[in-house]
Amino acid sequence: MKQEKWLLCPVCGNKTRLKLREDTVLEKFPLFCPKCKQETLINVRQMNMSVIREPDAKTQSR
């Protein structure tokens, strides 16, 4: 049987409503945490999660 685990929020560390399996692949997935109400973009491959850091918005100066 394939291994499964709960996907944890990268902000607060609590369980989200998603489970991961060994063969789960997510790219640019908007993960929402019901506890801390934060949405984070993540990538998942082989049960390893990485957070996508977006650059802060900068004002354009001309």
Protein backbone atom coordinates (compact mmCIF):
# COMPACT_ATOMS: atom_id res chain seq x y z
CA MET A 1 0.00 0.00 0.00
CA LYS A 2 1.23 3.49 -0.80
CA GLN A 3 2.26 5.77 2.03
CA GLU A 4 -0.07 8.67 2.85
CA LYS A 5 0.33 11.72 5.08
CA TRP A 6 -1.52 14.94 5.78
CA LEU A 7 -0.28 18.07 4.09
CA LEU A 8 0.75 20.56 6.80
CA CYS A 9 0.43 24.33 6.54
CA PRO A 10 3.88 25.93 6.01
CA VAL A 11 2.77 29.01 8.01
CA CYS A 12 1.24 27.56 11.21
CA GLY A 13 2.14 23.84 10.95
CA ASN A 14 -1.43 22.53 11.36
CA LYS A 15 -3.12 19.93 9.17
CA THR A 16 -4.88 21.15 6.05
CA ARG A 17 -7.74 19.32 4.35
CA LEU A 18 -5.44 17.54 1.89
CA LYS A 19 -3.64 14.21 2.03
CA LEU A 20 -0.50 13.37 0.06
CA ARG A 21 0.38 10.01 -1.44
CA GLU A 22 3.79 8.92 -2.73
CA ASP A 23 2.72 9.49 -6.33
CA THR A 24 1.18 12.97 -5.73
CA VAL A 25 2.65 15.79 -7.82
CA LEU A 26 1.51 19.40 -7.37
CA GLU A 27 2.90 22.44 -9.17
CA LYS A 28 2.01 26.03 -8.25
CA PHE A 29 -0.81 24.74 -6.04
CA PRO A 30 -2.66 27.36 -3.93
CA LEU A 31 -2.79 25.68 -0.50
CA PHE A 32 -5.34 27.25 1.87
CA CYS A 33 -5.14 26.69 5.63
CA PRO A 34 -8.54 26.77 7.38
CA LYS A 35 -6.92 27.54 10.74
CA CYS A 36 -4.68 30.54 9.96
CA LYS A 37 -6.65 31.59 6.84
CA GLN A 38 -3.47 31.94 4.76
CA GLU A 39 -3.05 30.87 1.14
CA THR A 40 0.40 29.75 0.02
CA LEU A 41 1.68 28.58 -3.36
CA ILE A 42 3.45 25.23 -3.09
CA ASN A 43 5.09 22.52 -5.18
CA VAL A 44 5.01 18.87 -4.06
CA ARG A 45 7.04 15.98 -5.46
CA GLN A 46 7.77 12.62 -3.79
CA MET A 47 6.11 13.72 -0.51
CA ASN A 48 8.39 16.81 -0.28
CA MET A 49 6.78 20.23 -0.17
CA SER A 50 8.50 23.45 -1.24
CA VAL A 51 6.98 26.91 -0.83
CA ILE A 52 7.02 29.25 -3.82
CA ARG A 53 8.18 32.69 -2.69
CA GLU A 54 6.80 35.43 -4.88
CA PRO A 55 8.72 38.69 -5.10
CA ASP A 56 7.08 41.64 -3.39
CA ALA A 57 5.28 44.09 -5.61
CA LYS A 58 7.46 47.08 -6.42
CA THR A 59 6.32 50.39 -7.79
CA GLN A 60 7.51 51.23 -11.26
CA SER A 61 9.49 54.42 -11.46
CA ARG A 62 9.97 56.21 -14.77
